[in-house]
Amino acid sequence: MYEKTNQWESMKRPELAEFVKTKFAEMETIYTESTEEGSTTKSLTKDQGDEFKSRNEELTAATERLQALNAVDEGLKKARDANKSLFETNRTLPFPNGGQGGGEGEGEGQGFKSLGDMFVESKPYTDSERKDLANNGNIKAEIGGVTIKSIELGHLKATMSTGAGWAPYPTLSPRPITYIPQRRPVVADVIPQDDTDQVTIVYYEETVFTNNAAPTAEGGLKPEAALQAVQRQQPVQKISVTLPVTDEQLMDVPQVRGYIDARLTLMIQLIEENQLLGGNGTAPNLMGFHSKPGIGSIARGASEDNADVILRGITDINQIVGFANASAIIMHPAQWLAIRLIRTTVGDYIWGHPSLQGPQTLWGLPVIVTPAETAGRALIGDFQMYSHISRRMGLRIDVGFVGDDFQRDIQRIRLSERLSLEIYRASAFEEVTNLNAAA
């Protein structure tokens, strides 16, 4: 009975190659016999078959190890060819004592050993007990007291150092830029909006509602009512801004692109908010709430507080003129401050103790506080039902050149948007004027 051995596991590559060749020849004699016509396969007994199987398993394992060793040698050869300067063994380096690097004696002029040389001379590569070798050509080794684990030979590159490249220098890491203070756009948040593919938004507004309904006698003439609707059109308008920036500014300061995008976006949003409130409707301006024909207007009386006149405006919208359902109040900070500071006769703050944030509501409606609203004025309305923003194009950034910009390495960054504001019922909105500021 044939007994397998593991002697091939400790063989070096040339010995292992010879072992595989010999074992293959031995197996060939088991299942073939020579005749006058040549070699033919012979039938095997059970014992011969078992022996053949055992030898085949040993040969297979030895062949796989040989292939792994060949892969390592081939990978190293490619790495050496690709990085000749790294593996050059005849290099000499001057040292302060006048000798040459690489030798133990001074001034012996011995060649400097590269990482590749140390690698091929290391124990894992030369020792007969290379048991950490993997089929993928990776080796775990300790070279010069440093553990090098799973080196992928095909990716071995020369190291760039400060001697061959450039010396270290302090990296400029400034704190984030401090912005010039700007208000936060908030008005569009209370208005329903969606996208459109139209350049003009068309809707109908009822202009005549004559109700002649009345009790009538049997057989009497029935009164006639009147209804009329008018088509309204609101064109889509554009808001845009540009900024010239040099190529060097964009290339040398990585964070500048995000900074520019954020600030140009804010510029567009601030002008959009101005247009939503006060646009005069003359192209290319939007028709803002305060310019809408038919919008209500009341002024604070001499004996009224701000809260009093705002409740009158809410009442007009909900029950007297607009017959809507007011959903928000837009107010300048100075007028809201006057309301927050209102106190009882004993000095208690009505809108909450100073240690608390307090509600930002008035008569049950949210108060949108923004400097975009004119001081001394407020806007009340049913924004949810009777106003709408249609966006033909959201914020879009384009880059191009003007004149000799290309020759001067200047890029023009342009940010644009296209939108319209539809106010379906003017009487659902009312402005309140002559409001008090805080003392």
Protein backbone atom coordinates (compact mmCIF):
# COMPACT_ATOMS: atom_id res chain seq x y z
CA MET A 1 0.00 0.00 0.00
CA TYR A 2 1.42 3.39 -0.99
CA GLU A 3 1.97 5.84 1.90
CA LYS A 4 1.81 9.54 1.20
CA THR A 5 4.43 11.91 2.63
CA ASN A 6 4.49 15.64 3.07
CA GLN A 7 8.12 16.09 2.18
CA TRP A 8 7.19 18.22 -0.82
CA GLU A 9 5.85 20.93 1.53
CA SER A 10 9.37 21.91 2.61
CA MET A 11 10.91 21.87 -0.88
CA LYS A 12 12.11 24.94 -2.70
CA ARG A 13 10.73 25.69 -6.13
CA PRO A 14 13.39 23.84 -8.24
CA GLU A 15 13.22 20.77 -5.99
CA LEU A 16 9.44 20.83 -6.03
CA ALA A 17 9.39 21.05 -9.82
CA GLU A 18 11.58 17.94 -10.03
CA PHE A 19 9.39 16.16 -7.46
CA VAL A 20 6.24 16.84 -9.51
CA LYS A 21 7.94 15.63 -12.68
CA THR A 22 9.10 12.40 -10.99
CA LYS A 23 5.74 11.64 -9.40
CA PHE A 24 3.95 12.21 -12.66
CA ALA A 25 6.27 9.68 -14.36
CA GLU A 26 5.62 7.14 -11.59
CA MET A 27 1.88 7.47 -12.03
CA GLU A 28 2.21 7.07 -15.74
CA THR A 29 3.83 3.65 -15.27
CA ILE A 30 0.91 2.52 -13.13
CA TYR A 31 -1.85 2.99 -15.68
CA THR A 32 0.04 2.53 -18.98
CA GLU A 33 2.02 -0.34 -20.59
CA SER A 34 4.21 -0.43 -23.65
CA THR A 35 3.26 -2.55 -26.69
CA GLU A 36 4.51 -2.83 -30.23
CA GLU A 37 1.85 -0.36 -31.31
CA GLY A 38 2.86 2.11 -28.52
CA SER A 39 1.63 2.94 -25.02
CA THR A 40 -1.88 1.91 -24.01
CA THR A 41 -3.92 2.29 -20.82
CA LYS A 42 -4.19 -0.89 -18.81
CA SER A 43 -6.87 -2.08 -16.42
CA LEU A 44 -6.09 -1.59 -12.74
CA THR A 45 -6.87 -3.79 -9.79
CA LYS A 46 -8.55 -2.34 -6.72
CA ASP A 47 -5.24 -1.97 -4.89
CA GLN A 48 -3.66 -0.36 -7.94
CA GLY A 49 -6.63 2.01 -8.20
CA ASP A 50 -6.30 3.02 -4.54
CA GLU A 51 -2.58 3.59 -5.02
CA PHE A 52 -3.23 5.64 -8.13
CA LYS A 53 -5.81 7.77 -6.28
CA SER A 54 -3.46 8.35 -3.34
CA ARG A 55 -0.57 9.35 -5.59
CA ASN A 56 -2.88 11.64 -7.59
CA GLU A 57 -4.00 13.53 -4.44
CA GLU A 58 -0.38 14.07 -3.42
CA LEU A 59 0.58 15.18 -6.92
CA THR A 60 -2.36 17.62 -7.08
CA ALA A 61 -1.39 19.29 -3.79
CA ALA A 62 2.27 19.51 -4.82
CA THR A 63 1.31 20.97 -8.21
CA GLU A 64 -0.83 23.68 -6.55
CA ARG A 65 2.07 24.67 -4.31
CA LEU A 66 4.41 24.80 -7.29
CA GLN A 67 1.96 27.06 -9.15
CA ALA A 68 1.82 29.37 -6.12
CA LEU A 69 5.61 29.59 -5.96
CA ASN A 70 5.77 30.27 -9.69
CA ALA A 71 3.18 33.05 -9.27
CA VAL A 72 5.27 34.68 -6.55
CA ASP A 73 8.43 34.53 -8.66
CA GLU A 74 6.62 35.91 -11.68
CA GLY A 75 5.03 38.71 -9.64
CA LEU A 76 8.34 39.67 -8.12
CA LYS A 77 10.03 39.65 -11.51
CA LYS A 78 7.38 42.03 -12.89
CA ALA A 79 7.73 44.28 -9.88
CA ARG A 80 11.50 44.38 -10.22
CA ASP A 81 11.27 45.15 -13.94
CA ALA A 82 8.71 47.92 -13.33
CA ASN A 83 10.68 49.46 -10.47
CA LYS A 84 14.31 49.04 -11.42
CA SER A 85 15.39 52.07 -9.45
CA LEU A 86 13.80 50.64 -6.30
CA PHE A 87 15.51 47.26 -6.64
CA GLU A 88 18.90 48.58 -7.80
CA THR A 89 21.51 46.82 -5.61
CA ASN A 90 24.56 48.80 -6.71
CA ARG A 91 23.36 52.14 -5.39
CA THR A 92 25.59 53.75 -2.80
CA LEU A 93 24.52 56.47 -0.41
CA PRO A 94 26.96 58.87 1.25
CA PHE A 95 26.85 59.04 5.03
CA PRO A 96 28.24 61.78 7.29
CA ASN A 97 31.29 59.65 8.16
CA GLY A 98 32.29 59.48 4.49
CA GLY A 99 31.39 55.82 4.13
CA GLN A 100 28.65 54.25 2.05
CA GLY A 101 25.33 52.95 3.27
CA GLY A 102 24.42 49.28 3.49
CA GLY A 103 27.57 47.80 5.08
CA GLU A 104 28.36 47.30 8.71
CA GLY A 105 31.90 48.65 8.36
CA GLU A 106 32.69 52.28 7.75
CA GLY A 107 33.71 53.30 4.25
CA GLU A 108 33.34 49.81 2.83
CA GLY A 109 31.34 51.00 -0.16
CA GLN A 110 28.83 48.18 0.03
CA GLY A 111 25.66 48.42 -2.09
CA PHE A 112 22.53 49.77 -0.43
CA LYS A 113 19.90 47.01 -0.15
CA SER A 114 16.50 47.90 -1.46
CA LEU A 115 13.18 46.71 -0.06
CA GLY A 116 12.99 44.19 -2.88
CA ASP A 117 16.40 42.75 -2.04
CA MET A 118 15.55 42.45 1.63
CA PHE A 119 12.26 40.82 0.65
CA VAL A 120 13.76 38.07 -1.52
CA GLU A 121 16.44 37.43 1.09
CA SER A 122 13.98 37.32 3.97
CA LYS A 123 13.22 34.07 5.78
CA PRO A 124 9.65 33.63 4.42
CA TYR A 125 10.99 33.73 0.86
CA THR A 126 14.13 31.59 1.26
CA ASP A 127 13.39 29.35 4.23
CA SER A 128 12.24 25.83 3.57
CA GLU A 129 9.30 26.34 5.94
CA ARG A 130 7.31 28.93 3.92
CA LYS A 131 3.95 27.92 5.23
CA ASP A 132 2.34 31.37 5.03
CA LEU A 133 2.47 31.46 1.23
CA ALA A 134 -1.00 31.93 -0.31
CA ASN A 135 -2.13 30.96 -3.77
CA ASN A 136 -2.73 34.62 -4.69
CA GLY A 137 0.95 35.50 -4.41
CA ASN A 138 0.77 37.33 -1.08
CA ILE A 139 3.39 36.71 1.63
CA LYS A 140 3.63 37.61 5.31
CA ALA A 141 7.19 38.52 6.26
CA GLU A 142 9.27 40.32 8.82
CA ILE A 143 12.00 42.47 7.30
CA GLY A 144 14.42 44.44 9.40
CA GLY A 145 12.23 44.07 12.48
CA VAL A 146 9.16 45.42 10.64
CA THR A 147 6.27 43.13 9.81
CA ILE A 148 5.15 43.37 6.20
CA LYS A 149 1.86 41.61 5.80
CA SER A 150 0.17 40.57 2.57
CA ILE A 151 2.34 42.49 0.13
CA GLU A 152 0.71 42.59 -3.28
CA LEU A 153 3.73 42.37 -5.52
CA GLY A 154 2.04 43.62 -8.64
CA HIS A 155 1.29 46.95 -6.90
CA LEU A 156 4.69 47.60 -5.32
CA LYS A 157 5.72 51.18 -6.13
CA ALA A 158 8.66 53.42 -5.34
CA THR A 159 7.97 55.64 -2.33
CA MET A 160 7.97 59.38 -2.93
CA SER A 161 9.86 61.13 -0.13
CA THR A 162 10.61 64.71 0.76
CA GLY A 163 14.12 64.21 -0.64
CA ALA A 164 12.83 63.24 -4.07
CA GLY A 165 9.67 65.36 -4.01
CA TRP A 166 9.07 68.44 -1.85
CA ALA A 167 9.57 69.22 1.80
CA PRO A 168 6.56 69.35 4.15
CA TYR A 169 4.95 72.75 4.58
CA PRO A 170 2.21 74.04 6.87
CA THR A 171 -1.23 73.34 5.44
CA LEU A 172 -3.56 76.33 5.38
CA SER A 173 -6.65 75.26 7.27
CA PRO A 174 -8.72 78.40 7.91
CA ARG A 175 -11.88 78.40 9.93
CA PRO A 176 -15.13 78.46 7.91
CA ILE A 177 -15.83 81.83 6.36
CA THR A 178 -17.93 84.25 8.41
CA TYR A 179 -20.84 85.45 6.28
CA ILE A 180 -22.22 88.97 6.08
CA PRO A 181 -25.55 88.75 7.95
CA GLN A 182 -28.56 88.21 5.72
CA ARG A 183 -32.17 87.53 6.58
CA ARG A 184 -33.54 84.01 6.27
CA PRO A 185 -36.11 83.58 3.44
CA VAL A 186 -39.38 82.36 4.97
CA VAL A 187 -42.34 83.72 3.00
CA ALA A 188 -42.35 81.03 0.31
CA ASP A 189 -42.68 78.40 3.04
CA VAL A 190 -46.32 79.33 3.70
CA ILE A 191 -47.36 79.25 0.02
CA PRO A 192 -48.26 75.99 -1.78
CA GLN A 193 -46.04 75.36 -4.80
CA ASP A 194 -45.30 72.83 -7.49
CA ASP A 195 -43.58 72.50 -10.88
CA THR A 196 -44.97 73.52 -14.24
CA ASP A 197 -43.97 73.20 -17.89
CA GLN A 198 -45.95 76.29 -18.95
CA VAL A 199 -44.57 79.77 -19.58
CA THR A 200 -47.88 81.38 -18.61
CA ILE A 201 -50.18 80.16 -15.84
CA VAL A 202 -53.84 80.45 -16.82
CA TYR A 203 -56.73 80.32 -14.35
CA TYR A 204 -60.28 81.67 -14.06
CA GLU A 205 -61.55 84.15 -11.49
CA GLU A 206 -65.20 84.71 -10.79
CA THR A 207 -66.00 88.42 -11.17
CA VAL A 208 -69.82 88.46 -11.07
CA PHE A 209 -72.03 86.71 -8.53
CA THR A 210 -75.50 88.23 -8.63
CA ASN A 211 -77.84 86.40 -6.33
CA ASN A 212 -81.45 87.28 -7.17
CA ALA A 213 -82.91 84.27 -5.48
CA ALA A 214 -86.16 85.25 -3.73
CA PRO A 215 -89.42 83.77 -2.53
CA THR A 216 -91.86 83.54 -5.44
CA ALA A 217 -95.58 82.99 -5.66
CA GLU A 218 -97.09 80.07 -7.46
CA GLY A 219 -96.96 80.76 -11.16
CA GLY A 220 -94.97 83.95 -10.57
CA LEU A 221 -91.93 85.12 -12.57
CA LYS A 222 -88.75 83.60 -11.24
CA PRO A 223 -85.81 85.98 -10.63
CA GLU A 224 -82.70 85.59 -12.74
CA ALA A 225 -79.17 85.28 -11.31
CA ALA A 226 -75.90 86.31 -12.98
CA LEU A 227 -72.48 84.66 -12.94
CA GLN A 228 -69.35 85.63 -14.78
CA ALA A 229 -65.75 84.43 -14.78
CA VAL A 230 -62.71 86.07 -16.34
CA GLN A 231 -59.58 84.32 -17.53
CA ARG A 232 -56.46 85.47 -15.72
CA GLN A 233 -52.90 84.95 -16.87
CA GLN A 234 -49.79 85.12 -14.78
CA PRO A 235 -46.52 84.96 -16.75
CA VAL A 236 -43.50 83.03 -15.52
CA GLN A 237 -40.66 85.41 -14.70
CA LYS A 238 -36.93 84.87 -14.24
CA ILE A 239 -34.66 85.84 -11.37
CA SER A 240 -30.93 85.45 -12.01
CA VAL A 241 -27.45 86.49 -10.92
CA THR A 242 -23.91 85.96 -12.23
CA LEU A 243 -20.45 85.95 -10.67
CA PRO A 244 -17.06 86.01 -12.47
CA VAL A 245 -14.49 83.66 -10.91
CA THR A 246 -10.94 82.91 -12.03
CA ASP A 247 -9.80 79.37 -12.78
CA GLU A 248 -7.14 79.65 -10.09
CA GLN A 249 -9.71 80.54 -7.44
CA LEU A 250 -11.79 77.48 -8.27
CA MET A 251 -8.80 75.14 -8.57
CA ASP A 252 -6.69 76.30 -5.63
CA VAL A 253 -9.44 76.63 -3.03
CA PRO A 254 -11.56 73.44 -3.06
CA GLN A 255 -14.26 74.80 -0.77
CA VAL A 256 -14.92 77.89 -2.88
CA ARG A 257 -17.37 76.07 -5.18
CA GLY A 258 -19.68 75.20 -2.30
CA TYR A 259 -19.37 78.73 -0.90
CA ILE A 260 -20.31 80.31 -4.24
CA ASP A 261 -23.25 77.96 -4.77
CA ALA A 262 -24.64 78.67 -1.30
CA ARG A 263 -24.31 82.45 -1.50
CA LEU A 264 -25.71 82.79 -5.02
CA THR A 265 -28.64 80.58 -4.01
CA LEU A 266 -29.35 82.86 -1.05
CA MET A 267 -29.21 85.91 -3.32
CA ILE A 268 -31.90 84.44 -5.56
CA GLN A 269 -34.09 83.44 -2.61
CA LEU A 270 -33.88 86.90 -1.03
CA ILE A 271 -34.96 88.64 -4.23
CA GLU A 272 -37.69 86.05 -4.74
CA GLU A 273 -39.06 86.90 -1.31
CA ASN A 274 -39.03 90.62 -2.11
CA GLN A 275 -40.96 89.87 -5.28
CA LEU A 276 -43.52 87.69 -3.54
CA LEU A 277 -44.39 90.51 -1.17
CA GLY A 278 -43.84 93.68 -3.19
CA GLY A 279 -43.32 92.85 -6.90
CA ASN A 280 -45.20 95.45 -8.99
CA GLY A 281 -46.35 93.08 -11.73
CA THR A 282 -44.55 94.91 -14.54
CA ALA A 283 -42.39 92.43 -16.45
CA PRO A 284 -39.97 91.03 -15.51
CA ASN A 285 -41.35 91.54 -11.97
CA LEU A 286 -43.83 89.23 -10.29
CA MET A 287 -47.19 90.51 -9.10
CA GLY A 288 -46.64 90.52 -5.33
CA PHE A 289 -49.32 90.43 -2.64
CA HIS A 290 -49.15 94.11 -1.77
CA SER A 291 -49.52 95.11 -5.44
CA LYS A 292 -52.44 92.80 -6.23
CA PRO A 293 -55.52 94.83 -7.24
CA GLY A 294 -58.43 94.25 -4.85
CA ILE A 295 -56.37 93.30 -1.80
CA GLY A 296 -57.84 94.69 1.43
CA SER A 297 -56.15 97.35 3.56
CA ILE A 298 -56.85 98.70 7.03
CA ALA A 299 -54.90 101.04 9.31
CA ARG A 300 -54.40 100.86 13.05
CA GLY A 301 -56.49 103.36 14.97
CA ALA A 302 -55.02 105.73 17.53
CA SER A 303 -56.47 103.79 20.44
CA GLU A 304 -55.59 100.32 19.13
CA ASP A 305 -52.70 98.01 19.83
CA ASN A 306 -51.10 96.02 17.02
CA ALA A 307 -52.92 92.89 18.09
CA ASP A 308 -56.28 94.68 17.96
CA VAL A 309 -56.04 95.82 14.35
CA ILE A 310 -54.66 92.47 13.21
CA LEU A 311 -57.73 90.76 14.64
CA ARG A 312 -59.87 93.18 12.63
CA GLY A 313 -57.97 92.17 9.52
CA ILE A 314 -58.48 88.47 10.26
CA THR A 315 -62.17 89.11 10.74
CA ASP A 316 -62.40 90.90 7.37
CA ILE A 317 -60.75 87.99 5.60
CA ASN A 318 -62.73 85.26 7.30
CA GLN A 319 -66.20 86.72 7.78
CA ILE A 320 -66.79 90.12 6.19
CA VAL A 321 -65.04 90.50 2.83
CA GLY A 322 -62.96 87.50 1.89
CA PHE A 323 -65.00 84.64 3.36
CA ALA A 324 -61.78 82.64 3.47
CA ASN A 325 -59.77 81.10 6.29
CA ALA A 326 -56.67 83.13 7.17
CA SER A 327 -53.70 80.82 7.56
CA ALA A 328 -50.73 83.07 8.49
CA ILE A 329 -49.56 86.57 9.40
CA ILE A 330 -46.38 88.07 7.91
CA MET A 331 -44.93 90.84 10.05
CA HIS A 332 -41.80 92.97 10.47
CA PRO A 333 -39.70 92.12 13.59
CA ALA A 334 -40.22 95.60 15.09
CA GLN A 335 -44.00 95.18 15.10
CA TRP A 336 -43.84 91.64 16.49
CA LEU A 337 -41.53 92.86 19.24
CA ALA A 338 -44.12 95.45 20.26
CA ILE A 339 -46.68 92.65 20.62
CA ARG A 340 -44.35 90.36 22.58
CA LEU A 341 -43.63 93.13 25.07
CA ILE A 342 -47.27 93.76 25.95
CA ARG A 343 -47.78 93.40 29.72
CA THR A 344 -50.67 93.38 32.14
CA THR A 345 -51.25 96.21 34.59
CA VAL A 346 -49.22 94.32 37.19
CA GLY A 347 -46.27 93.82 34.82
CA ASP A 348 -46.76 90.21 33.63
CA TYR A 349 -45.85 89.52 30.00
CA ILE A 350 -48.92 88.32 28.10
CA TRP A 351 -46.96 86.32 25.51
CA GLY A 352 -45.07 84.32 28.11
CA HIS A 353 -42.43 84.73 30.79
CA PRO A 354 -39.08 86.11 29.55
CA SER A 355 -37.36 82.85 30.55
CA LEU A 356 -39.50 80.94 28.03
CA GLN A 357 -39.47 81.02 24.24
CA GLY A 358 -43.16 81.76 24.12
CA PRO A 359 -45.62 81.13 21.29
CA GLN A 360 -45.08 82.73 17.89
CA THR A 361 -48.77 82.90 17.20
CA LEU A 362 -51.35 85.66 17.22
CA TRP A 363 -55.08 84.96 17.43
CA GLY A 364 -54.34 81.31 16.72
CA LEU A 365 -52.37 81.98 13.51
CA PRO A 366 -48.61 81.46 12.99
CA VAL A 367 -46.62 84.69 12.77
CA ILE A 368 -43.92 84.78 10.07
CA VAL A 369 -41.41 87.39 11.25
CA THR A 370 -39.16 88.76 8.50
CA PRO A 371 -37.44 92.06 7.61
CA ALA A 372 -38.68 91.45 4.06
CA GLU A 373 -42.00 92.93 5.18
CA THR A 374 -42.07 96.72 5.35
CA ALA A 375 -41.73 98.14 8.85
CA GLY A 376 -45.08 99.26 10.22
CA ARG A 377 -47.00 96.89 7.95
CA ALA A 378 -48.28 93.31 8.14
CA LEU A 379 -49.89 90.93 5.65
CA ILE A 380 -52.68 88.57 6.62
CA GLY A 381 -54.15 86.00 4.24
CA ASP A 382 -55.41 82.60 3.32
CA PHE A 383 -52.15 81.56 1.70
CA GLN A 384 -53.03 77.88 1.60
CA MET A 385 -56.20 78.17 -0.49
CA TYR A 386 -55.82 81.31 -2.54
CA SER A 387 -52.15 81.65 -3.46
CA HIS A 388 -49.75 79.40 -5.34
CA ILE A 389 -46.18 79.36 -6.70
CA SER A 390 -45.55 77.61 -10.03
CA ARG A 391 -41.89 76.85 -10.68
CA ARG A 392 -40.98 76.53 -14.35
CA MET A 393 -37.28 76.06 -13.55
CA GLY A 394 -35.76 75.43 -10.16
CA LEU A 395 -32.39 76.84 -9.17
CA ARG A 396 -30.01 76.10 -12.04
CA ILE A 397 -26.29 76.79 -12.27
CA ASP A 398 -24.59 77.41 -15.62
CA VAL A 399 -20.97 78.28 -16.41
CA GLY A 400 -19.85 80.19 -19.49
CA PHE A 401 -17.66 82.95 -20.90
CA VAL A 402 -18.27 86.58 -21.86
CA GLY A 403 -16.01 88.57 -24.15
CA ASP A 404 -12.36 87.72 -23.48
CA ASP A 405 -13.10 85.67 -20.35
CA PHE A 406 -11.64 82.54 -21.95
CA GLN A 407 -8.34 84.28 -22.65
CA ARG A 408 -8.24 85.68 -19.13
CA ASP A 409 -9.06 82.35 -17.40
CA ILE A 410 -12.35 83.65 -16.01
CA GLN A 411 -15.54 81.61 -15.65
CA ARG A 412 -18.95 83.24 -15.34
CA ILE A 413 -21.14 81.31 -12.93
CA ARG A 414 -24.83 82.02 -13.47
CA LEU A 415 -27.68 81.01 -11.18
CA SER A 416 -31.28 81.36 -12.36
CA GLU A 417 -34.83 80.34 -11.56
CA ARG A 418 -38.20 80.84 -13.27
CA LEU A 419 -41.47 81.06 -11.39
CA SER A 420 -44.84 82.75 -11.14
CA LEU A 421 -47.06 83.74 -8.22
CA GLU A 422 -50.80 83.28 -8.62
CA ILE A 423 -53.14 85.08 -6.22
CA TYR A 424 -56.54 83.57 -6.94
CA ARG A 425 -58.68 85.72 -4.65
CA ALA A 426 -57.48 89.20 -3.70
CA SER A 427 -60.08 89.62 -0.95
CA ALA A 428 -58.57 86.64 0.89
CA PHE A 429 -55.60 88.89 1.76
CA GLU A 430 -55.39 92.13 3.69
CA GLU A 431 -52.54 94.44 4.63
CA VAL A 432 -52.48 96.20 7.95
CA THR A 433 -50.68 99.52 8.16
CA ASN A 434 -49.62 102.09 10.77
CA LEU A 435 -48.54 99.41 13.22
CA ASN A 436 -46.64 100.38 16.36
CA ALA A 437 -42.98 99.62 16.90
CA ALA A 438 -41.65 98.66 20.31
CA ALA A 439 -40.95 101.58 22.61
